[in-house]
Structure formats: structure tokens, C-alpha cells
């Protein structure tokens, strides 16, 4: 398998997976920088308690262009590190929820008619409950009402073999996602106060991870929440939530890849590629170089490795892509 080929099918999945990694790198860089800055400012003020806060600010910010103001008292002297960790936890939750929601909207745009896109994007964020509340299963059922045998045979085995695939534990993982999403929504709409639905979801997660074995690779610590009181987060839980979001996206990517519309998406991706550069239209006659060119074409179009390249080439010829 060519190492440059992606592990996911949909362009949205490939993009969000990269963006999640970039987001975490940026967040941890900020975490490390703020932690060091927080320690230095507090240490300096302890050594020179007589200095006015403006003099402390000048000591650390002199010559450094800052696009906005910093309240040194609030950020460094009056806030303990636990308070900052709560803010980093919120940042992680917001980032992961936003990326997952954006992914669901983009994939639903690729697969469904305009009348279904919004409702299906929402359904992909909820576990299966019953026939009245089927959540993600209703979307997969709709997408796969017409299945591509070619996609099933050639791409699905590669996609579902990912270590991130959690198909057998989808409901547990989406329950965890729903919990953090509810917390995010409370921060936005209810001043971060705990609601009964948040408490109910926390109980469901606790029940899930009490199973032997647990559906989660690492269990959540789940700090005790109190109804109508501020929600508290464990930073490690929020890191685990990032993994949950990534696993859900990976799993649904594979489940939706076998739809007939997904085959059309792949065909269009390859057709757009060949229309941009002449080198994809003229293939070498040498068999080895011919296969190498096809591999490079798949890599350029970000198509996962097929199970049988000969079969894939036959499909491409049938679609007049080569």
C-alpha cells in the first residue's frame, strides 16, 4: 500500500482528522506557554511584592506587540492553575464539537438531497435509542438504501480495518459525545450550569464503562456534577473526548463509504483530477510504470488503497476515467 494514500474515504474526514491534530498541537502549545508565563509572573510578584501590577506587566510585555490587553491580576495572580485547566477543557470541547458538526454537515451535503442534509447531520450526533429515535442508524440506513458492491469489495475492507473503528461500540461512544455536546451547549446557552439531561447522560456513561470490558479504551473520570451548579471538567476527560470524536468520524466514514452515492463521489474526484492535468490522461505502456501511475493518481485524488488494483483499473476504464 502506498503510504501517501489516506486512511479515510471522504474528503471531509481527511480534512477534519488533520485539523484535529493541528488544533491539539496549537492548544498544547498555548497550555505550555501559559503555564510557564503563569509561574514566572507569580514568582516575580512574590520576589517583588511592592511593585505595582503595571510595573509587572511592563517587565514581561515590554517590546512585545500584543493585539489585545491582558488582565495580569486575573490571569496570573488571582487565578490558580485549576481555573485555567477548566478553560482549556472548554476549548477542547468546543473545538471537537465544532469539527464533528462541520464534518457531519459536509458528508451529508455529499450524500443527501437538500431536504435531508440538516436533519441527517443532527442525527449523526446521537446514539440509537429506539425506532422513534434511531439517531445515526437512520442516516446509515438511508445512505445505504442503495449500496455499491464495488465500494464494498474494494474500499470497505481497508477503511473498516482502522484501529480507530468503533462500530461495535458506536452507541456508547455517541453517548459520550452527547454528554460533552450538552455541556458545550450549556456553556453557550445556560452559563455553564448543569442540567438534568447532562446528569442523565453522565449516568449512562458510567453504566457503559462499568461493563466488562469497557467500550472505551480509557474510561472517563466524570467529576461529580450538581444540578443547576457550574459544570466542572477533568482535563484528561476532555482529551479522551477528542479521541472519541475522531473514532466516531472514522467509523462513520467507513459505514457511509459503501453507498452508491459514495461511488459517484469517488468518480467525480478522479474525473476532476484528470481534467486538471494532462499527465493523468496519457498513461505509459510499460505495465509496471502503468500501475505506478495509477497508484500516484489514487494518491493525488486521496483515494484509499483498493483491495485489488486490477479490479480498480477495470472500474476506472468502465467509467472512462483512463
C-alpha atoms as a PDB file:
ATOM      1  CA  UNK A   1       0.000   0.000   0.000  1.00  0.00           C
ATOM      2  CA  UNK A   2       1.292   3.442  -0.882  1.00  0.00           C
ATOM      3  CA  UNK A   3       1.964   5.349   2.317  1.00  0.00           C
ATOM      4  CA  UNK A   4       0.604   8.551   0.793  1.00  0.00           C
ATOM      5  CA  UNK A   5      -2.889   7.117   0.419  1.00  0.00           C
ATOM      6  CA  UNK A   6      -5.352   8.233   3.113  1.00  0.00           C
ATOM      7  CA  UNK A   7      -6.910   6.007   5.759  1.00  0.00           C
ATOM      8  CA  UNK A   8     -10.338   7.613   5.196  1.00  0.00           C
ATOM      9  CA  UNK A   9     -12.648   7.978   2.220  1.00  0.00           C
ATOM     10  CA  UNK A  10     -14.475  11.300   2.461  1.00  0.00           C
ATOM     11  CA  UNK A  11     -12.511  14.489   1.901  1.00  0.00           C
ATOM     12  CA  UNK A  12     -14.218  15.954   4.968  1.00  0.00           C
ATOM     13  CA  UNK A  13     -12.872  13.098   7.117  1.00  0.00           C
ATOM     14  CA  UNK A  14      -9.352  13.556   5.810  1.00  0.00           C
ATOM     15  CA  UNK A  15      -9.557  17.303   6.445  1.00  0.00           C
ATOM     16  CA  UNK A  16     -11.062  17.067   9.951  1.00  0.00           C
ATOM     17  CA  UNK A  17      -8.560  14.415  11.036  1.00  0.00           C
ATOM     18  CA  UNK A  18      -5.723  16.753  10.034  1.00  0.00           C
ATOM     19  CA  UNK A  19      -7.426  19.739  11.689  1.00  0.00           C
ATOM     20  CA  UNK A  20      -7.966  17.848  14.947  1.00  0.00           C
ATOM     21  CA  UNK A  21      -4.259  17.108  15.085  1.00  0.00           C
ATOM     22  CA  UNK A  22      -3.386  20.726  14.319  1.00  0.00           C
ATOM     23  CA  UNK A  23      -5.885  22.003  16.894  1.00  0.00           C
ATOM     24  CA  UNK A  24      -4.455  19.831  19.647  1.00  0.00           C
ATOM     25  CA  UNK A  25      -0.915  20.903  18.779  1.00  0.00           C
ATOM     26  CA  UNK A  26      -1.940  24.564  18.993  1.00  0.00           C
ATOM     27  CA  UNK A  27      -3.869  24.087  22.238  1.00  0.00           C
ATOM     28  CA  UNK A  28      -0.970  22.285  23.936  1.00  0.00           C
ATOM     29  CA  UNK A  29       1.468  24.932  22.737  1.00  0.00           C
ATOM     30  CA  UNK A  30      -0.762  27.527  24.406  1.00  0.00           C
ATOM     31  CA  UNK A  31      -1.051  25.344  27.504  1.00  0.00           C
ATOM     32  CA  UNK A  32       2.737  25.065  27.828  1.00  0.00           C
ATOM     33  CA  UNK A  33       3.259  28.768  27.171  1.00  0.00           C
ATOM     34  CA  UNK A  34       0.588  29.945  29.622  1.00  0.00           C
ATOM     35  CA  UNK A  35       1.789  27.535  32.312  1.00  0.00           C
ATOM     36  CA  UNK A  36       5.315  28.905  32.074  1.00  0.00           C
ATOM     37  CA  UNK A  37       4.121  32.516  31.932  1.00  0.00           C
ATOM     38  CA  UNK A  38       1.776  31.943  34.911  1.00  0.00           C
ATOM     39  CA  UNK A  39       4.611  30.562  37.026  1.00  0.00           C
ATOM     40  CA  UNK A  40       7.025  33.359  36.075  1.00  0.00           C
ATOM     41  CA  UNK A  41       4.601  36.193  36.818  1.00  0.00           C
ATOM     42  CA  UNK A  42       3.591  34.739  40.186  1.00  0.00           C
ATOM     43  CA  UNK A  43       7.201  34.074  41.109  1.00  0.00           C
ATOM     44  CA  UNK A  44       8.300  37.555  40.112  1.00  0.00           C
ATOM     45  CA  UNK A  45       5.487  39.195  42.125  1.00  0.00           C
ATOM     46  CA  UNK A  46       6.424  37.134  45.183  1.00  0.00           C
ATOM     47  CA  UNK A  47      10.020  38.321  44.898  1.00  0.00           C
ATOM     48  CA  UNK A  48       8.990  41.953  44.423  1.00  0.00           C
ATOM     49  CA  UNK A  49       5.624  42.353  46.218  1.00  0.00           C
ATOM     50  CA  UNK A  50       5.975  46.113  46.358  1.00  0.00           C
ATOM     51  CA  UNK A  51       5.791  46.507  42.572  1.00  0.00           C
ATOM     52  CA  UNK A  52       2.535  47.794  41.103  1.00  0.00           C
ATOM     53  CA  UNK A  53       0.823  45.433  38.686  1.00  0.00           C
ATOM     54  CA  UNK A  54       1.518  47.858  35.810  1.00  0.00           C
ATOM     55  CA  UNK A  55       5.235  47.537  36.513  1.00  0.00           C
ATOM     56  CA  UNK A  56       4.923  43.777  36.454  1.00  0.00           C
ATOM     57  CA  UNK A  57       3.152  43.974  33.105  1.00  0.00           C
ATOM     58  CA  UNK A  58       5.902  46.221  31.741  1.00  0.00           C
ATOM     59  CA  UNK A  59       8.531  43.738  32.903  1.00  0.00           C
ATOM     60  CA  UNK A  60       7.003  40.884  30.911  1.00  0.00           C
ATOM     61  CA  UNK A  61       5.422  42.653  27.943  1.00  0.00           C
ATOM     62  CA  UNK A  62       7.848  45.488  27.194  1.00  0.00           C
ATOM     63  CA  UNK A  63       8.655  45.456  23.486  1.00  0.00           C
ATOM     64  CA  UNK A  64       6.213  42.625  22.784  1.00  0.00           C
ATOM     65  CA  UNK A  65       3.351  43.580  20.454  1.00  0.00           C
ATOM     66  CA  UNK A  66       0.085  42.278  21.960  1.00  0.00           C
ATOM     67  CA  UNK A  67      -3.081  42.587  19.813  1.00  0.00           C
ATOM     68  CA  UNK A  68      -5.264  42.789  22.925  1.00  0.00           C
ATOM     69  CA  UNK A  69      -4.968  43.556  26.609  1.00  0.00           C
ATOM     70  CA  UNK A  70      -4.120  41.059  29.374  1.00  0.00           C
ATOM     71  CA  UNK A  71      -5.550  41.376  32.860  1.00  0.00           C
ATOM     72  CA  UNK A  72      -2.429  40.294  34.778  1.00  0.00           C
ATOM     73  CA  UNK A  73      -4.208  40.204  38.111  1.00  0.00           C
ATOM     74  CA  UNK A  74      -6.993  37.999  36.878  1.00  0.00           C
ATOM     75  CA  UNK A  75      -4.939  35.751  34.612  1.00  0.00           C
ATOM     76  CA  UNK A  76      -1.852  35.224  36.741  1.00  0.00           C
ATOM     77  CA  UNK A  77      -2.266  36.363  40.335  1.00  0.00           C
ATOM     78  CA  UNK A  78      -5.925  35.750  41.182  1.00  0.00           C
ATOM     79  CA  UNK A  79      -6.446  32.539  39.188  1.00  0.00           C
ATOM     80  CA  UNK A  80      -4.994  29.219  40.285  1.00  0.00           C
ATOM     81  CA  UNK A  81      -3.897  26.743  37.635  1.00  0.00           C
ATOM     82  CA  UNK A  82      -7.031  24.619  38.080  1.00  0.00           C
ATOM     83  CA  UNK A  83      -9.122  27.533  36.797  1.00  0.00           C
ATOM     84  CA  UNK A  84      -7.012  27.712  33.649  1.00  0.00           C
ATOM     85  CA  UNK A  85      -7.354  23.970  33.145  1.00  0.00           C
ATOM     86  CA  UNK A  86     -11.132  24.418  33.169  1.00  0.00           C
ATOM     87  CA  UNK A  87     -10.765  26.930  30.339  1.00  0.00           C
ATOM     88  CA  UNK A  88      -8.513  24.601  28.350  1.00  0.00           C
ATOM     89  CA  UNK A  89     -11.082  21.844  28.879  1.00  0.00           C
ATOM     90  CA  UNK A  90     -13.803  24.063  27.424  1.00  0.00           C
ATOM     91  CA  UNK A  91     -11.560  24.950  24.497  1.00  0.00           C
ATOM     92  CA  UNK A  92     -11.057  21.260  23.700  1.00  0.00           C
ATOM     93  CA  UNK A  93     -14.780  20.530  23.913  1.00  0.00           C
ATOM     94  CA  UNK A  94     -15.715  23.468  21.683  1.00  0.00           C
ATOM     95  CA  UNK A  95     -13.078  22.588  19.100  1.00  0.00           C
ATOM     96  CA  UNK A  96     -14.015  18.904  18.904  1.00  0.00           C
ATOM     97  CA  UNK A  97     -17.772  19.549  18.765  1.00  0.00           C
ATOM     98  CA  UNK A  98     -17.364  22.196  16.079  1.00  0.00           C
ATOM     99  CA  UNK A  99     -15.179  19.966  13.910  1.00  0.00           C
ATOM    100  CA  UNK A 100     -17.510  16.987  14.302  1.00  0.00           C
ATOM    101  CA  UNK A 101     -20.592  19.053  13.457  1.00  0.00           C
ATOM    102  CA  UNK A 102     -18.837  20.534  10.432  1.00  0.00           C
ATOM    103  CA  UNK A 103     -17.799  17.055   9.301  1.00  0.00           C
ATOM    104  CA  UNK A 104     -21.379  15.744   9.578  1.00  0.00           C
ATOM    105  CA  UNK A 105     -22.725  18.679   7.564  1.00  0.00           C
ATOM    106  CA  UNK A 106     -20.145  18.241   4.794  1.00  0.00           C
ATOM    107  CA  UNK A 107     -20.625  14.481   4.445  1.00  0.00           C
ATOM    108  CA  UNK A 108     -24.407  14.859   4.431  1.00  0.00           C
ATOM    109  CA  UNK A 109     -24.020  17.520   1.741  1.00  0.00           C
ATOM    110  CA  UNK A 110     -22.063  14.995  -0.356  1.00  0.00           C
ATOM    111  CA  UNK A 111     -24.560  12.162   0.061  1.00  0.00           C
ATOM    112  CA  UNK A 112     -28.073  13.520   0.508  1.00  0.00           C
ATOM    113  CA  UNK A 113     -30.624  15.824  -1.070  1.00  0.00           C
ATOM    114  CA  UNK A 114     -31.002  19.323   0.298  1.00  0.00           C
ATOM    115  CA  UNK A 115     -34.185  18.417   2.186  1.00  0.00           C
ATOM    116  CA  UNK A 116     -32.379  15.764   4.259  1.00  0.00           C
ATOM    117  CA  UNK A 117     -28.976  17.304   4.921  1.00  0.00           C
ATOM    118  CA  UNK A 118     -29.694  19.255   8.100  1.00  0.00           C
ATOM    119  CA  UNK A 119     -31.722  16.564   9.831  1.00  0.00           C
ATOM    120  CA  UNK A 120     -29.245  13.828   8.932  1.00  0.00           C
ATOM    121  CA  UNK A 121     -26.294  15.911  10.116  1.00  0.00           C
ATOM    122  CA  UNK A 122     -28.027  16.203  13.504  1.00  0.00           C
ATOM    123  CA  UNK A 123     -28.904  12.504  13.622  1.00  0.00           C
ATOM    124  CA  UNK A 124     -25.232  11.568  13.159  1.00  0.00           C
ATOM    125  CA  UNK A 125     -24.605  13.122  16.579  1.00  0.00           C
ATOM    126  CA  UNK A 126     -26.948  10.852  18.546  1.00  0.00           C
ATOM    127  CA  UNK A 127     -26.871   7.176  19.536  1.00  0.00           C
ATOM    128  CA  UNK A 128     -29.522   4.629  18.658  1.00  0.00           C
ATOM    129  CA  UNK A 129     -32.346   4.661  21.232  1.00  0.00           C
ATOM    130  CA  UNK A 130     -35.316   3.005  19.559  1.00  0.00           C
ATOM    131  CA  UNK A 131     -37.298   3.108  16.332  1.00  0.00           C
ATOM    132  CA  UNK A 132     -38.624   6.560  17.219  1.00  0.00           C
ATOM    133  CA  UNK A 133     -35.110   7.882  17.942  1.00  0.00           C
ATOM    134  CA  UNK A 134     -32.780   5.933  15.645  1.00  0.00           C
ATOM    135  CA  UNK A 135     -30.028   8.567  15.587  1.00  0.00           C
ATOM    136  CA  UNK A 136     -27.052   7.705  13.387  1.00  0.00           C
ATOM    137  CA  UNK A 137     -28.584   4.410  12.241  1.00  0.00           C
ATOM    138  CA  UNK A 138     -31.313   6.221  10.314  1.00  0.00           C
ATOM    139  CA  UNK A 139     -28.650   8.086   8.329  1.00  0.00           C
ATOM    140  CA  UNK A 140     -26.684   4.943   7.512  1.00  0.00           C
ATOM    141  CA  UNK A 141     -29.891   3.141   6.523  1.00  0.00           C
ATOM    142  CA  UNK A 142     -30.819   5.981   4.180  1.00  0.00           C
ATOM    143  CA  UNK A 143     -27.339   6.306   2.673  1.00  0.00           C
ATOM    144  CA  UNK A 144     -27.033   2.556   2.160  1.00  0.00           C
ATOM    145  CA  UNK A 145     -30.518   2.032   0.755  1.00  0.00           C
ATOM    146  CA  UNK A 146     -28.574   1.717  -2.486  1.00  0.00           C
ATOM    147  CA  UNK A 147     -25.236   0.018  -1.866  1.00  0.00           C
ATOM    148  CA  UNK A 148     -22.253  -0.034  -4.202  1.00  0.00           C
ATOM    149  CA  UNK A 149     -20.922  -3.590  -4.406  1.00  0.00           C
ATOM    150  CA  UNK A 150     -17.708  -2.201  -5.858  1.00  0.00           C
ATOM    151  CA  UNK A 151     -17.133   0.082  -2.853  1.00  0.00           C
ATOM    152  CA  UNK A 152     -17.950  -2.794  -0.500  1.00  0.00           C
ATOM    153  CA  UNK A 153     -15.407  -5.066  -2.131  1.00  0.00           C
ATOM    154  CA  UNK A 154     -12.601  -2.651  -2.903  1.00  0.00           C
ATOM    155  CA  UNK A 155     -12.544   0.071  -0.229  1.00  0.00           C
ATOM    156  CA  UNK A 156     -14.577  -1.024   2.793  1.00  0.00           C
ATOM    157  CA  UNK A 157     -12.085  -3.703   3.975  1.00  0.00           C
ATOM    158  CA  UNK A 158      -9.319  -1.095   4.097  1.00  0.00           C
ATOM    159  CA  UNK A 159     -11.469   1.538   5.796  1.00  0.00           C
ATOM    160  CA  UNK A 160     -13.006  -0.638   8.493  1.00  0.00           C
ATOM    161  CA  UNK A 161      -9.639  -2.184   9.394  1.00  0.00           C
ATOM    162  CA  UNK A 162      -8.565   1.100  11.013  1.00  0.00           C
ATOM    163  CA  UNK A 163      -7.686   0.851  14.717  1.00  0.00           C
ATOM    164  CA  UNK A 164      -9.981   3.844  15.201  1.00  0.00           C
ATOM    165  CA  UNK A 165     -13.043   1.933  14.024  1.00  0.00           C
ATOM    166  CA  UNK A 166     -15.514   1.541  16.911  1.00  0.00           C
ATOM    167  CA  UNK A 167     -18.562   0.173  15.083  1.00  0.00           C
ATOM    168  CA  UNK A 168     -19.365  -2.409  17.771  1.00  0.00           C
ATOM    169  CA  UNK A 169     -19.372   0.356  20.406  1.00  0.00           C
ATOM    170  CA  UNK A 170     -20.968   3.191  18.448  1.00  0.00           C
ATOM    171  CA  UNK A 171     -23.837   3.771  20.862  1.00  0.00           C
ATOM    172  CA  UNK A 172     -21.514   4.060  23.861  1.00  0.00           C
ATOM    173  CA  UNK A 173     -19.199   6.442  22.001  1.00  0.00           C
ATOM    174  CA  UNK A 174     -22.097   8.604  20.800  1.00  0.00           C
ATOM    175  CA  UNK A 175     -23.468   8.682  24.350  1.00  0.00           C
ATOM    176  CA  UNK A 176     -20.130  10.131  25.450  1.00  0.00           C
ATOM    177  CA  UNK A 177     -20.212  12.596  22.560  1.00  0.00           C
ATOM    178  CA  UNK A 178     -23.752  13.662  23.516  1.00  0.00           C
ATOM    179  CA  UNK A 179     -22.642  14.316  27.104  1.00  0.00           C
ATOM    180  CA  UNK A 180     -19.858  16.688  26.103  1.00  0.00           C
ATOM    181  CA  UNK A 181     -22.013  18.319  23.443  1.00  0.00           C
ATOM    182  CA  UNK A 182     -24.690  19.000  26.076  1.00  0.00           C
ATOM    183  CA  UNK A 183     -22.018  20.537  28.306  1.00  0.00           C
ATOM    184  CA  UNK A 184     -20.858  22.706  25.391  1.00  0.00           C
ATOM    185  CA  UNK A 185     -24.426  23.832  24.717  1.00  0.00           C
ATOM    186  CA  UNK A 186     -24.925  24.676  28.389  1.00  0.00           C
ATOM    187  CA  UNK A 187     -21.823  26.877  28.341  1.00  0.00           C
ATOM    188  CA  UNK A 188     -23.248  28.719  25.319  1.00  0.00           C
ATOM    189  CA  UNK A 189     -26.885  28.990  26.369  1.00  0.00           C
ATOM    190  CA  UNK A 190     -27.120  28.454  30.142  1.00  0.00           C
ATOM    191  CA  UNK A 191     -23.999  29.997  31.682  1.00  0.00           C
ATOM    192  CA  UNK A 192     -22.405  26.553  32.008  1.00  0.00           C
ATOM    193  CA  UNK A 193     -24.938  25.260  34.535  1.00  0.00           C
ATOM    194  CA  UNK A 194     -25.586  21.549  34.883  1.00  0.00           C
ATOM    195  CA  UNK A 195     -28.948  20.342  33.576  1.00  0.00           C
ATOM    196  CA  UNK A 196     -30.867  17.150  34.260  1.00  0.00           C
ATOM    197  CA  UNK A 197     -30.099  15.850  30.779  1.00  0.00           C
ATOM    198  CA  UNK A 198     -26.359  16.248  31.493  1.00  0.00           C
ATOM    199  CA  UNK A 199     -26.748  14.284  34.719  1.00  0.00           C
ATOM    200  CA  UNK A 200     -28.697  11.576  32.907  1.00  0.00           C
ATOM    201  CA  UNK A 201     -26.031  11.231  30.236  1.00  0.00           C
ATOM    202  CA  UNK A 202     -23.286  11.051  32.842  1.00  0.00           C
ATOM    203  CA  UNK A 203     -25.116   8.144  34.486  1.00  0.00           C
ATOM    204  CA  UNK A 204     -25.349   6.407  31.099  1.00  0.00           C
ATOM    205  CA  UNK A 205     -21.609   6.794  30.504  1.00  0.00           C
ATOM    206  CA  UNK A 206     -20.856   5.448  33.977  1.00  0.00           C
ATOM    207  CA  UNK A 207     -23.052   2.410  33.262  1.00  0.00           C
ATOM    208  CA  UNK A 208     -21.349   1.825  29.929  1.00  0.00           C
ATOM    209  CA  UNK A 209     -17.828   1.929  31.321  1.00  0.00           C
ATOM    210  CA  UNK A 210     -18.770  -0.335  34.225  1.00  0.00           C
ATOM    211  CA  UNK A 211     -19.189  -3.151  31.686  1.00  0.00           C
ATOM    212  CA  UNK A 212     -16.513  -5.820  31.362  1.00  0.00           C
ATOM    213  CA  UNK A 213     -14.826  -4.994  29.112  1.00  0.00           C
ATOM    214  CA  UNK A 214     -15.484  -1.278  28.928  1.00  0.00           C
ATOM    215  CA  UNK A 215     -16.440   0.039  25.464  1.00  0.00           C
ATOM    216  CA  UNK A 216     -13.823   2.759  25.920  1.00  0.00           C
ATOM    217  CA  UNK A 217     -10.097   2.169  25.697  1.00  0.00           C
ATOM    218  CA  UNK A 218      -9.721   4.588  28.618  1.00  0.00           C
ATOM    219  CA  UNK A 219     -12.595   5.339  30.977  1.00  0.00           C
ATOM    220  CA  UNK A 220     -13.706   8.841  31.896  1.00  0.00           C
ATOM    221  CA  UNK A 221     -13.237  10.064  35.469  1.00  0.00           C
ATOM    222  CA  UNK A 222     -16.535  12.054  35.278  1.00  0.00           C
ATOM    223  CA  UNK A 223     -16.337  14.684  38.065  1.00  0.00           C
ATOM    224  CA  UNK A 224     -19.490  14.857  40.180  1.00  0.00           C
ATOM    225  CA  UNK A 225     -21.949  17.382  38.762  1.00  0.00           C
ATOM    226  CA  UNK A 226     -24.652  19.168  40.732  1.00  0.00           C
ATOM    227  CA  UNK A 227     -27.944  20.221  39.190  1.00  0.00           C
ATOM    228  CA  UNK A 228     -28.066  23.974  38.440  1.00  0.00           C
ATOM    229  CA  UNK A 229     -24.442  24.404  39.516  1.00  0.00           C
ATOM    230  CA  UNK A 230     -21.442  25.174  37.272  1.00  0.00           C
ATOM    231  CA  UNK A 231     -20.229  22.173  35.296  1.00  0.00           C
ATOM    232  CA  UNK A 232     -16.706  21.078  36.179  1.00  0.00           C
ATOM    233  CA  UNK A 233     -14.390  19.257  33.803  1.00  0.00           C
ATOM    234  CA  UNK A 234     -11.472  16.914  34.110  1.00  0.00           C
ATOM    235  CA  UNK A 235      -8.874  17.914  31.501  1.00  0.00           C
ATOM    236  CA  UNK A 236      -7.967  14.301  30.810  1.00  0.00           C
ATOM    237  CA  UNK A 237     -11.653  13.530  30.108  1.00  0.00           C
ATOM    238  CA  UNK A 238     -11.688  16.299  27.525  1.00  0.00           C
ATOM    239  CA  UNK A 239      -8.577  14.884  25.878  1.00  0.00           C
ATOM    240  CA  UNK A 240     -10.300  11.497  25.715  1.00  0.00           C
ATOM    241  CA  UNK A 241     -13.302  13.237  24.182  1.00  0.00           C
ATOM    242  CA  UNK A 242     -11.087  14.300  21.280  1.00  0.00           C
ATOM    243  CA  UNK A 243     -10.289  10.637  20.659  1.00  0.00           C
ATOM    244  CA  UNK A 244     -13.997   9.777  20.865  1.00  0.00           C
ATOM    245  CA  UNK A 245     -14.822  12.358  18.181  1.00  0.00           C
ATOM    246  CA  UNK A 246     -12.019  11.079  15.951  1.00  0.00           C
ATOM    247  CA  UNK A 247     -13.147   7.454  16.312  1.00  0.00           C
ATOM    248  CA  UNK A 248     -16.756   8.345  15.517  1.00  0.00           C
ATOM    249  CA  UNK A 249     -15.749  10.190  12.361  1.00  0.00           C
ATOM    250  CA  UNK A 250     -13.515   7.316  11.243  1.00  0.00           C
ATOM    251  CA  UNK A 251     -16.216   4.699  11.889  1.00  0.00           C
ATOM    252  CA  UNK A 252     -18.982   6.613  10.132  1.00  0.00           C
ATOM    253  CA  UNK A 253     -16.641   7.354   7.233  1.00  0.00           C
ATOM    254  CA  UNK A 254     -16.348   3.610   6.616  1.00  0.00           C
ATOM    255  CA  UNK A 255     -20.053   2.917   7.170  1.00  0.00           C
ATOM    256  CA  UNK A 256     -21.121   5.586   4.677  1.00  0.00           C
ATOM    257  CA  UNK A 257     -18.456   4.814   2.083  1.00  0.00           C
ATOM    258  CA  UNK A 258     -20.398   1.869   0.621  1.00  0.00           C
ATOM    259  CA  UNK A 259     -23.358   3.981  -0.520  1.00  0.00           C
ATOM    260  CA  UNK A 260     -23.872   4.187  -4.271  1.00  0.00           C
ATOM    261  CA  UNK A 261     -23.582   7.959  -3.955  1.00  0.00           C
ATOM    262  CA  UNK A 262     -20.121   7.464  -2.441  1.00  0.00           C
ATOM    263  CA  UNK A 263     -19.034   5.710  -5.623  1.00  0.00           C
ATOM    264  CA  UNK A 264     -20.239   8.765  -7.547  1.00  0.00           C
ATOM    265  CA  UNK A 265     -18.267  10.999  -5.177  1.00  0.00           C
ATOM    266  CA  UNK A 266     -15.127   8.943  -5.874  1.00  0.00           C
ATOM    267  CA  UNK A 267     -15.709   9.003  -9.637  1.00  0.00           C
ATOM    268  CA  UNK A 268     -16.098  12.789  -9.604  1.00  0.00           C
ATOM    269  CA  UNK A 269     -12.959  13.189  -7.526  1.00  0.00           C
ATOM    270  CA  UNK A 270     -10.920  11.206 -10.036  1.00  0.00           C
ATOM    271  CA  UNK A 271     -12.563  12.936 -13.001  1.00  0.00           C
ATOM    272  CA  UNK A 272     -11.774  16.368 -11.571  1.00  0.00           C
ATOM    273  CA  UNK A 273      -8.173  15.296 -11.096  1.00  0.00           C
ATOM    274  CA  UNK A 274      -7.739  14.087 -14.680  1.00  0.00           C
ATOM    275  CA  UNK A 275      -9.330  17.253 -16.034  1.00  0.00           C
ATOM    276  CA  UNK A 276      -6.714  19.452 -14.385  1.00  0.00           C
ATOM    277  CA  UNK A 277      -3.522  17.817 -15.662  1.00  0.00           C
ATOM    278  CA  UNK A 278      -2.780  16.080 -18.937  1.00  0.00           C
ATOM    279  CA  UNK A 279      -0.348  13.655 -17.302  1.00  0.00           C
ATOM    280  CA  UNK A 280      -3.285  11.682 -15.872  1.00  0.00           C
ATOM    281  CA  UNK A 281      -4.839  11.277 -19.337  1.00  0.00           C
ATOM    282  CA  UNK A 282      -1.815   9.722 -21.039  1.00  0.00           C
ATOM    283  CA  UNK A 283      -0.621   6.549 -19.318  1.00  0.00           C
ATOM    284  CA  UNK A 284       2.669   4.713 -20.042  1.00  0.00           C
ATOM    285  CA  UNK A 285       2.551   1.424 -21.936  1.00  0.00           C
ATOM    286  CA  UNK A 286       5.030  -0.342 -19.662  1.00  0.00           C
ATOM    287  CA  UNK A 287       2.924  -2.462 -17.215  1.00  0.00           C
ATOM    288  CA  UNK A 288       4.988  -1.592 -14.138  1.00  0.00           C
ATOM    289  CA  UNK A 289       5.065   2.132 -14.880  1.00  0.00           C
ATOM    290  CA  UNK A 290       1.347   1.947 -15.750  1.00  0.00           C
ATOM    291  CA  UNK A 291       0.471   0.598 -12.277  1.00  0.00           C
ATOM    292  CA  UNK A 292       2.781   3.111 -10.631  1.00  0.00           C
ATOM    293  CA  UNK A 293       0.989   5.944 -12.444  1.00  0.00           C
ATOM    294  CA  UNK A 294      -2.396   4.597 -11.306  1.00  0.00           C
ATOM    295  CA  UNK A 295      -1.135   4.455  -7.716  1.00  0.00           C
ATOM    296  CA  UNK A 296       0.044   8.071  -7.972  1.00  0.00           C
ATOM    297  CA  UNK A 297      -3.315   9.035  -9.449  1.00  0.00           C
ATOM    298  CA  UNK A 298      -5.160   7.481  -6.498  1.00  0.00           C
ATOM    299  CA  UNK A 299      -2.829   9.217  -4.077  1.00  0.00           C
ATOM    300  CA  UNK A 300      -3.351  12.573  -5.772  1.00  0.00           C
ATOM    301  CA  UNK A 301      -7.129  12.092  -5.625  1.00  0.00           C
ATOM    302  CA  UNK A 302      -6.845  10.956  -1.994  1.00  0.00           C
ATOM    303  CA  UNK A 303      -8.449   7.575  -2.648  1.00  0.00           C
ATOM    304  CA  UNK A 304      -7.688   4.827  -0.087  1.00  0.00           C
ATOM    305  CA  UNK A 305      -5.841   1.727  -1.237  1.00  0.00           C
ATOM    306  CA  UNK A 306      -8.180  -0.681  -3.074  1.00  0.00           C
ATOM    307  CA  UNK A 307      -8.138  -4.391  -2.338  1.00  0.00           C
ATOM    308  CA  UNK A 308      -7.364  -5.320  -5.939  1.00  0.00           C
ATOM    309  CA  UNK A 309      -5.697  -2.789  -8.209  1.00  0.00           C
ATOM    310  CA  UNK A 310      -6.589  -4.740 -11.360  1.00  0.00           C
ATOM    311  CA  UNK A 311     -10.280  -4.603 -10.446  1.00  0.00           C
ATOM    312  CA  UNK A 312      -9.964  -0.899  -9.700  1.00  0.00           C
ATOM    313  CA  UNK A 313      -8.313  -0.242 -13.049  1.00  0.00           C
ATOM    314  CA  UNK A 314     -11.159  -2.124 -14.724  1.00  0.00           C
ATOM    315  CA  UNK A 315     -13.678   0.094 -12.931  1.00  0.00           C
ATOM    316  CA  UNK A 316     -11.773   3.220 -13.995  1.00  0.00           C
ATOM    317  CA  UNK A 317     -11.805   2.069 -17.627  1.00  0.00           C
ATOM    318  CA  UNK A 318     -15.523   1.322 -17.413  1.00  0.00           C
ATOM    319  CA  UNK A 319     -16.113   4.897 -16.190  1.00  0.00           C
ATOM    320  CA  UNK A 320     -13.808   6.222 -18.965  1.00  0.00           C
ATOM    321  CA  UNK A 321     -11.512   7.773 -16.363  1.00  0.00           C
ATOM    322  CA  UNK A 322      -8.470   6.317 -18.134  1.00  0.00           C
END
